[in-house]
Amino acid sequence: MKLLSFIHCEAIKVLRSSVFWIVVAAFATMPIMFGFVTYINAAAAGWDPYLTDLLGTSTALLVIGFSFTACWVFWTGIYR
């Protein structure tokens, strides 16, 4: 019962957080933007350039996001 209460509390915190919705919006618009860029660049149109660009950008954003999250967790843990 305590585990379900913990999961419920954390889910409410995540859904009420503005950062969660900003990340969802960024990752939802990214494929659309790359689709437009690939469509405009007709010489390289196809799935391979689209998925390569999408994967590279997603990976870079995830690494940066993980780094900021890890720094925030350890910074607040040390200096509190």
PDB file of N, CA and C in Angstrom:
ATOM      1  N   MET A   1       0.813  -1.186   0.000  1.00  0.00           N
ATOM      2  CA  MET A   1       0.000   0.000   0.000  1.00  0.00           C
ATOM      3  C   MET A   1       0.862   1.258   0.000  1.00  0.00           C
ATOM      4  N   LYS A   2       1.976   1.236   0.715  1.00  0.00           N
ATOM      5  CA  LYS A   2       2.844   2.401   0.766  1.00  0.00           C
ATOM      6  C   LYS A   2       3.469   2.676  -0.600  1.00  0.00           C
ATOM      7  N   LEU A   3       3.784   1.623  -1.338  1.00  0.00           N
ATOM      8  CA  LEU A   3       4.384   1.793  -2.658  1.00  0.00           C
ATOM      9  C   LEU A   3       3.403   2.454  -3.616  1.00  0.00           C
ATOM     10  N   LEU A   4       2.154   2.039  -3.587  1.00  0.00           N
ATOM     11  CA  LEU A   4       1.152   2.662  -4.456  1.00  0.00           C
ATOM     12  C   LEU A   4       0.915   4.126  -4.082  1.00  0.00           C
ATOM     13  N   SER A   5       0.956   4.424  -2.814  1.00  0.00           N
ATOM     14  CA  SER A   5       0.811   5.803  -2.366  1.00  0.00           C
ATOM     15  C   SER A   5       1.978   6.654  -2.846  1.00  0.00           C
ATOM     16  N   PHE A   6       3.170   6.100  -2.777  1.00  0.00           N
ATOM     17  CA  PHE A   6       4.366   6.797  -3.251  1.00  0.00           C
ATOM     18  C   PHE A   6       4.293   7.059  -4.754  1.00  0.00           C
ATOM     19  N   ILE A   7       3.895   6.054  -5.513  1.00  0.00           N
ATOM     20  CA  ILE A   7       3.786   6.206  -6.965  1.00  0.00           C
ATOM     21  C   ILE A   7       2.721   7.238  -7.313  1.00  0.00           C
ATOM     22  N   HIS A   8       1.607   7.216  -6.621  1.00  0.00           N
ATOM     23  CA  HIS A   8       0.535   8.182  -6.864  1.00  0.00           C
ATOM     24  C   HIS A   8       1.005   9.607  -6.570  1.00  0.00           C
ATOM     25  N   CYS A   9       1.696   9.799  -5.469  1.00  0.00           N
ATOM     26  CA  CYS A   9       2.193  11.122  -5.091  1.00  0.00           C
ATOM     27  C   CYS A   9       3.202  11.640  -6.116  1.00  0.00           C
ATOM     28  N   GLU A  10       4.120  10.792  -6.559  1.00  0.00           N
ATOM     29  CA  GLU A  10       5.117  11.209  -7.540  1.00  0.00           C
ATOM     30  C   GLU A  10       4.479  11.491  -8.898  1.00  0.00           C
ATOM     31  N   ALA A  11       3.477  10.725  -9.279  1.00  0.00           N
ATOM     32  CA  ALA A  11       2.788  10.964 -10.553  1.00  0.00           C
ATOM     33  C   ALA A  11       2.070  12.306 -10.525  1.00  0.00           C
ATOM     34  N   ILE A  12       1.464  12.646  -9.408  1.00  0.00           N
ATOM     35  CA  ILE A  12       0.800  13.945  -9.293  1.00  0.00           C
ATOM     36  C   ILE A  12       1.813  15.076  -9.390  1.00  0.00           C
ATOM     37  N   LYS A  13       2.979  14.917  -8.747  1.00  0.00           N
ATOM     38  CA  LYS A  13       4.009  15.952  -8.810  1.00  0.00           C
ATOM     39  C   LYS A  13       4.518  16.143 -10.231  1.00  0.00           C
ATOM     40  N   VAL A  14       4.714  15.044 -10.953  1.00  0.00           N
ATOM     41  CA  VAL A  14       5.210  15.139 -12.324  1.00  0.00           C
ATOM     42  C   VAL A  14       4.181  15.808 -13.220  1.00  0.00           C
ATOM     43  N   LEU A  15       2.922  15.439 -13.101  1.00  0.00           N
ATOM     44  CA  LEU A  15       1.895  16.011 -13.964  1.00  0.00           C
ATOM     45  C   LEU A  15       1.625  17.482 -13.670  1.00  0.00           C
ATOM     46  N   ARG A  16       1.830  17.918 -12.450  1.00  0.00           N
ATOM     47  CA  ARG A  16       1.623  19.324 -12.107  1.00  0.00           C
ATOM     48  C   ARG A  16       2.845  20.187 -12.414  1.00  0.00           C
ATOM     49  N   SER A  17       3.974  19.569 -12.682  1.00  0.00           N
ATOM     50  CA  SER A  17       5.200  20.303 -12.962  1.00  0.00           C
ATOM     51  C   SER A  17       5.157  20.897 -14.365  1.00  0.00           C
ATOM     52  N   SER A  18       5.624  22.114 -14.507  1.00  0.00           N
ATOM     53  CA  SER A  18       5.657  22.746 -15.829  1.00  0.00           C
ATOM     54  C   SER A  18       6.802  22.204 -16.681  1.00  0.00           C
ATOM     55  N   VAL A  19       7.855  21.732 -16.046  1.00  0.00           N
ATOM     56  CA  VAL A  19       9.000  21.210 -16.787  1.00  0.00           C
ATOM     57  C   VAL A  19       8.603  19.976 -17.589  1.00  0.00           C
ATOM     58  N   PHE A  20       7.778  19.140 -17.029  1.00  0.00           N
ATOM     59  CA  PHE A  20       7.328  17.938 -17.732  1.00  0.00           C
ATOM     60  C   PHE A  20       6.619  18.292 -19.031  1.00  0.00           C
ATOM     61  N   TRP A  21       5.743  19.272 -18.989  1.00  0.00           N
ATOM     62  CA  TRP A  21       4.989  19.644 -20.184  1.00  0.00           C
ATOM     63  C   TRP A  21       5.874  20.349 -21.205  1.00  0.00           C
ATOM     64  N   ILE A  22       6.884  21.078 -20.765  1.00  0.00           N
ATOM     65  CA  ILE A  22       7.827  21.702 -21.703  1.00  0.00           C
ATOM     66  C   ILE A  22       8.636  20.631 -22.423  1.00  0.00           C
ATOM     67  N   VAL A  23       9.077  19.622 -21.700  1.00  0.00           N
ATOM     68  CA  VAL A  23       9.835  18.533 -22.321  1.00  0.00           C
ATOM     69  C   VAL A  23       8.948  17.754 -23.294  1.00  0.00           C
ATOM     70  N   VAL A  24       7.710  17.500 -22.927  1.00  0.00           N
ATOM     71  CA  VAL A  24       6.787  16.800 -23.824  1.00  0.00           C
ATOM     72  C   VAL A  24       6.578  17.609 -25.102  1.00  0.00           C
ATOM     73  N   ALA A  25       6.391  18.924 -24.967  1.00  0.00           N
ATOM     74  CA  ALA A  25       6.196  19.776 -26.140  1.00  0.00           C
ATOM     75  C   ALA A  25       7.442  19.807 -27.016  1.00  0.00           C
ATOM     76  N   ALA A  26       8.628  19.866 -26.403  1.00  0.00           N
ATOM     77  CA  ALA A  26       9.871  19.896 -27.188  1.00  0.00           C
ATOM     78  C   ALA A  26      10.064  18.601 -27.963  1.00  0.00           C
ATOM     79  N   PHE A  27       9.844  17.462 -27.315  1.00  0.00           N
ATOM     80  CA  PHE A  27      10.032  16.191 -27.998  1.00  0.00           C
ATOM     81  C   PHE A  27       8.890  15.864 -28.960  1.00  0.00           C
ATOM     82  N   ALA A  28       7.743  16.527 -28.824  1.00  0.00           N
ATOM     83  CA  ALA A  28       6.656  16.320 -29.775  1.00  0.00           C
ATOM     84  C   ALA A  28       6.847  17.158 -31.033  1.00  0.00           C
ATOM     85  N   THR A  29       7.408  18.353 -30.894  1.00  0.00           N
ATOM     86  CA  THR A  29       7.592  19.222 -32.062  1.00  0.00           C
ATOM     87  C   THR A  29       8.871  18.916 -32.828  1.00  0.00           C
ATOM     88  N   MET A  30       9.825  18.255 -32.188  1.00  0.00           N
ATOM     89  CA  MET A  30      11.091  17.965 -32.857  1.00  0.00           C
ATOM     90  C   MET A  30      10.924  17.108 -34.115  1.00  0.00           C
ATOM     91  N   PRO A  31      10.170  16.013 -34.102  1.00  0.00           N
ATOM     92  CA  PRO A  31      10.002  15.233 -35.338  1.00  0.00           C
ATOM     93  C   PRO A  31       9.294  16.023 -36.437  1.00  0.00           C
ATOM     94  N   ILE A  32       8.374  16.883 -36.051  1.00  0.00           N
ATOM     95  CA  ILE A  32       7.668  17.692 -37.051  1.00  0.00           C
ATOM     96  C   ILE A  32       8.628  18.672 -37.708  1.00  0.00           C
ATOM     97  N   MET A  33       9.483  19.304 -36.910  1.00  0.00           N
ATOM     98  CA  MET A  33      10.460  20.245 -37.467  1.00  0.00           C
ATOM     99  C   MET A  33      11.431  19.535 -38.411  1.00  0.00           C
ATOM    100  N   PHE A  34      11.911  18.375 -38.023  1.00  0.00           N
ATOM    101  CA  PHE A  34      12.826  17.645 -38.896  1.00  0.00           C
ATOM    102  C   PHE A  34      12.125  17.150 -40.154  1.00  0.00           C
ATOM    103  N   GLY A  35      10.846  16.846 -40.044  1.00  0.00           N
ATOM    104  CA  GLY A  35      10.091  16.471 -41.238  1.00  0.00           C
ATOM    105  C   GLY A  35      10.005  17.615 -42.231  1.00  0.00           C
ATOM    106  N   PHE A  36       9.761  18.832 -41.737  1.00  0.00           N
ATOM    107  CA  PHE A  36       9.725  19.993 -42.628  1.00  0.00           C
ATOM    108  C   PHE A  36      11.084  20.266 -43.247  1.00  0.00           C
ATOM    109  N   VAL A  37      12.150  20.160 -42.452  1.00  0.00           N
ATOM    110  CA  VAL A  37      13.497  20.402 -42.984  1.00  0.00           C
ATOM    111  C   VAL A  37      13.859  19.353 -44.032  1.00  0.00           C
ATOM    112  N   THR A  38      13.526  18.106 -43.791  1.00  0.00           N
ATOM    113  CA  THR A  38      13.823  17.055 -44.760  1.00  0.00           C
ATOM    114  C   THR A  38      12.982  17.231 -46.012  1.00  0.00           C
ATOM    115  N   TYR A  39      11.746  17.686 -45.852  1.00  0.00           N
ATOM    116  CA  TYR A  39      10.881  17.907 -47.012  1.00  0.00           C
ATOM    117  C   TYR A  39      11.377  19.077 -47.854  1.00  0.00           C
ATOM    118  N   ILE A  40      11.851  20.140 -47.204  1.00  0.00           N
ATOM    119  CA  ILE A  40      12.373  21.296 -47.935  1.00  0.00           C
ATOM    120  C   ILE A  40      13.658  20.930 -48.659  1.00  0.00           C
ATOM    121  N   ASN A  41      14.506  20.148 -48.019  1.00  0.00           N
ATOM    122  CA  ASN A  41      15.758  19.705 -48.629  1.00  0.00           C
ATOM    123  C   ASN A  41      15.461  18.452 -49.457  1.00  0.00           C
ATOM    124  N   ALA A  42      14.912  18.636 -50.634  1.00  0.00           N
ATOM    125  CA  ALA A  42      14.419  17.523 -51.454  1.00  0.00           C
ATOM    126  C   ALA A  42      15.523  16.588 -51.928  1.00  0.00           C
ATOM    127  N   ALA A  43      16.765  17.065 -51.989  1.00  0.00           N
ATOM    128  CA  ALA A  43      17.860  16.210 -52.458  1.00  0.00           C
ATOM    129  C   ALA A  43      18.132  15.079 -51.466  1.00  0.00           C
ATOM    130  N   ALA A  44      17.931  15.337 -50.189  1.00  0.00           N
ATOM    131  CA  ALA A  44      18.207  14.325 -49.176  1.00  0.00           C
ATOM    132  C   ALA A  44      16.927  13.781 -48.558  1.00  0.00           C
ATOM    133  N   ALA A  45      15.834  13.832 -49.294  1.00  0.00           N
ATOM    134  CA  ALA A  45      14.562  13.368 -48.744  1.00  0.00           C
ATOM    135  C   ALA A  45      14.567  11.851 -48.619  1.00  0.00           C
ATOM    136  N   GLY A  46      14.060  11.378 -47.538  1.00  0.00           N
ATOM    137  CA  GLY A  46      13.979   9.944 -47.289  1.00  0.00           C
ATOM    138  C   GLY A  46      13.996   9.676 -45.798  1.00  0.00           C
ATOM    139  N   TRP A  47      13.856   8.402 -45.457  1.00  0.00           N
ATOM    140  CA  TRP A  47      13.804   8.040 -44.049  1.00  0.00           C
ATOM    141  C   TRP A  47      15.172   8.071 -43.392  1.00  0.00           C
ATOM    142  N   ASP A  48      16.211   7.706 -44.125  1.00  0.00           N
ATOM    143  CA  ASP A  48      17.543   7.640 -43.518  1.00  0.00           C
ATOM    144  C   ASP A  48      18.030   8.992 -43.004  1.00  0.00           C
ATOM    145  N   PRO A  49      18.016  10.071 -43.801  1.00  0.00           N
ATOM    146  CA  PRO A  49      18.457  11.363 -43.249  1.00  0.00           C
ATOM    147  C   PRO A  49      17.540  11.872 -42.126  1.00  0.00           C
ATOM    148  N   TYR A  50      16.243  11.628 -42.270  1.00  0.00           N
ATOM    149  CA  TYR A  50      15.284  12.067 -41.248  1.00  0.00           C
ATOM    150  C   TYR A  50      15.564  11.391 -39.919  1.00  0.00           C
ATOM    151  N   LEU A  51      15.684  10.074 -39.917  1.00  0.00           N
ATOM    152  CA  LEU A  51      15.894   9.348 -38.676  1.00  0.00           C
ATOM    153  C   LEU A  51      17.279   9.605 -38.092  1.00  0.00           C
ATOM    154  N   THR A  52      18.283   9.813 -38.955  1.00  0.00           N
ATOM    155  CA  THR A  52      19.622  10.133 -38.464  1.00  0.00           C
ATOM    156  C   THR A  52      19.626  11.474 -37.739  1.00  0.00           C
ATOM    157  N   ASP A  53      19.017  12.488 -38.335  1.00  0.00           N
ATOM    158  CA  ASP A  53      18.946  13.797 -37.683  1.00  0.00           C
ATOM    159  C   ASP A  53      18.122  13.738 -36.406  1.00  0.00           C
ATOM    160  N   LEU A  54      17.025  13.027 -36.443  1.00  0.00           N
ATOM    161  CA  LEU A  54      16.156  12.920 -35.268  1.00  0.00           C
ATOM    162  C   LEU A  54      16.868  12.208 -34.122  1.00  0.00           C
ATOM    163  N   LEU A  55      17.554  11.122 -34.426  1.00  0.00           N
ATOM    164  CA  LEU A  55      18.267  10.373 -33.396  1.00  0.00           C
ATOM    165  C   LEU A  55      19.414  11.188 -32.817  1.00  0.00           C
ATOM    166  N   GLY A  56      20.154  11.883 -33.671  1.00  0.00           N
ATOM    167  CA  GLY A  56      21.267  12.690 -33.178  1.00  0.00           C
ATOM    168  C   GLY A  56      20.815  13.813 -32.277  1.00  0.00           C
ATOM    169  N   THR A  57      19.762  14.504 -32.647  1.00  0.00           N
ATOM    170  CA  THR A  57      19.266  15.603 -31.834  1.00  0.00           C
ATOM    171  C   THR A  57      18.638  15.095 -30.539  1.00  0.00           C
ATOM    172  N   SER A  58      17.894  14.013 -30.612  1.00  0.00           N
ATOM    173  CA  SER A  58      17.290  13.442 -29.399  1.00  0.00           C
ATOM    174  C   SER A  58      18.373  13.002 -28.419  1.00  0.00           C
ATOM    175  N   THR A  59      19.415  12.387 -28.933  1.00  0.00           N
ATOM    176  CA  THR A  59      20.503  11.935 -28.069  1.00  0.00           C
ATOM    177  C   THR A  59      21.191  13.115 -27.401  1.00  0.00           C
ATOM    178  N   ALA A  60      21.459  14.161 -28.179  1.00  0.00           N
ATOM    179  CA  ALA A  60      22.110  15.340 -27.602  1.00  0.00           C
ATOM    180  C   ALA A  60      21.243  15.983 -26.529  1.00  0.00           C
ATOM    181  N   LEU A  61      19.948  16.107 -26.777  1.00  0.00           N
ATOM    182  CA  LEU A  61      19.053  16.698 -25.778  1.00  0.00           C
ATOM    183  C   LEU A  61      18.945  15.828 -24.527  1.00  0.00           C
ATOM    184  N   LEU A  62      18.931  14.523 -24.696  1.00  0.00           N
ATOM    185  CA  LEU A  62      18.847  13.637 -23.536  1.00  0.00           C
ATOM    186  C   LEU A  62      20.114  13.697 -22.689  1.00  0.00           C
ATOM    187  N   VAL A  63      21.276  13.781 -23.339  1.00  0.00           N
ATOM    188  CA  VAL A  63      22.532  13.880 -22.586  1.00  0.00           C
ATOM    189  C   VAL A  63      22.580  15.191 -21.806  1.00  0.00           C
ATOM    190  N   ILE A  64      22.193  16.283 -22.443  1.00  0.00           N
ATOM    191  CA  ILE A  64      22.185  17.577 -21.762  1.00  0.00           C
ATOM    192  C   ILE A  64      21.170  17.574 -20.626  1.00  0.00           C
ATOM    193  N   GLY A  65      19.981  17.032 -20.865  1.00  0.00           N
ATOM    194  CA  GLY A  65      18.966  16.965 -19.818  1.00  0.00           C
ATOM    195  C   GLY A  65      19.397  16.099 -18.647  1.00  0.00           C
ATOM    196  N   PHE A  66      20.020  14.965 -18.935  1.00  0.00           N
ATOM    197  CA  PHE A  66      20.510  14.104 -17.863  1.00  0.00           C
ATOM    198  C   PHE A  66      21.591  14.799 -17.059  1.00  0.00           C
ATOM    199  N   SER A  67      22.476  15.528 -17.738  1.00  0.00           N
ATOM    200  CA  SER A  67      23.552  16.234 -17.042  1.00  0.00           C
ATOM    201  C   SER A  67      22.996  17.300 -16.112  1.00  0.00           C
ATOM    202  N   PHE A  68      22.035  18.091 -16.596  1.00  0.00           N
ATOM    203  CA  PHE A  68      21.435  19.111 -15.743  1.00  0.00           C
ATOM    204  C   PHE A  68      20.693  18.486 -14.566  1.00  0.00           C
ATOM    205  N   THR A  69      19.994  17.395 -14.801  1.00  0.00           N
ATOM    206  CA  THR A  69      19.264  16.733 -13.722  1.00  0.00           C
ATOM    207  C   THR A  69      20.221  16.172 -12.677  1.00  0.00           C
ATOM    208  N   ALA A  70      21.291  15.533 -13.123  1.00  0.00           N
ATOM    209  CA  ALA A  70      22.265  14.977 -12.185  1.00  0.00           C
ATOM    210  C   ALA A  70      22.941  16.085 -11.380  1.00  0.00           C
ATOM    211  N   CYS A  71      23.298  17.178 -12.032  1.00  0.00           N
ATOM    212  CA  CYS A  71      23.909  18.308 -11.310  1.00  0.00           C
ATOM    213  C   CYS A  71      22.944  18.888 -10.293  1.00  0.00           C
ATOM    214  N   TRP A  72      21.681  19.009 -10.661  1.00  0.00           N
ATOM    215  CA  TRP A  72      20.690  19.572  -9.757  1.00  0.00           C
ATOM    216  C   TRP A  72      20.492  18.669  -8.539  1.00  0.00           C
ATOM    217  N   VAL A  73      20.441  17.365  -8.766  1.00  0.00           N
ATOM    218  CA  VAL A  73      20.229  16.429  -7.659  1.00  0.00           C
ATOM    219  C   VAL A  73      21.405  16.477  -6.689  1.00  0.00           C
ATOM    220  N   PHE A  74      22.626  16.409  -7.220  1.00  0.00           N
ATOM    221  CA  PHE A  74      23.784  16.380  -6.333  1.00  0.00           C
ATOM    222  C   PHE A  74      24.065  17.752  -5.726  1.00  0.00           C
ATOM    223  N   TRP A  75      23.769  18.834  -6.438  1.00  0.00           N
ATOM    224  CA  TRP A  75      23.990  20.172  -5.898  1.00  0.00           C
ATOM    225  C   TRP A  75      23.056  20.435  -4.721  1.00  0.00           C
ATOM    226  N   THR A  76      21.787  20.073  -4.876  1.00  0.00           N
ATOM    227  CA  THR A  76      20.843  20.309  -3.780  1.00  0.00           C
ATOM    228  C   THR A  76      21.108  19.352  -2.618  1.00  0.00           C
ATOM    229  N   GLY A  77      21.658  18.185  -2.909  1.00  0.00           N
ATOM    230  CA  GLY A  77      21.960  17.239  -1.845  1.00  0.00           C
ATOM    231  C   GLY A  77      23.146  17.661  -1.011  1.00  0.00           C
ATOM    232  N   ILE A  78      24.125  18.323  -1.641  1.00  0.00           N
ATOM    233  CA  ILE A  78      25.339  18.730  -0.923  1.00  0.00           C
ATOM    234  C   ILE A  78      25.108  20.010  -0.136  1.00  0.00           C
ATOM    235  N   TYR A  79      24.437  20.970  -0.728  1.00  0.00           N
ATOM    236  CA  TYR A  79      24.351  22.292  -0.132  1.00  0.00           C
ATOM    237  C   TYR A  79      23.009  22.575   0.555  1.00  0.00           C
ATOM    238  N   ARG A  80      22.380  21.581   1.048  1.00  0.00           N
ATOM    239  CA  ARG A  80      21.150  21.792   1.811  1.00  0.00           C
ATOM    240  C   ARG A  80      21.397  21.677   3.272  1.00  0.00           C
TER     241      ARG A  80
END
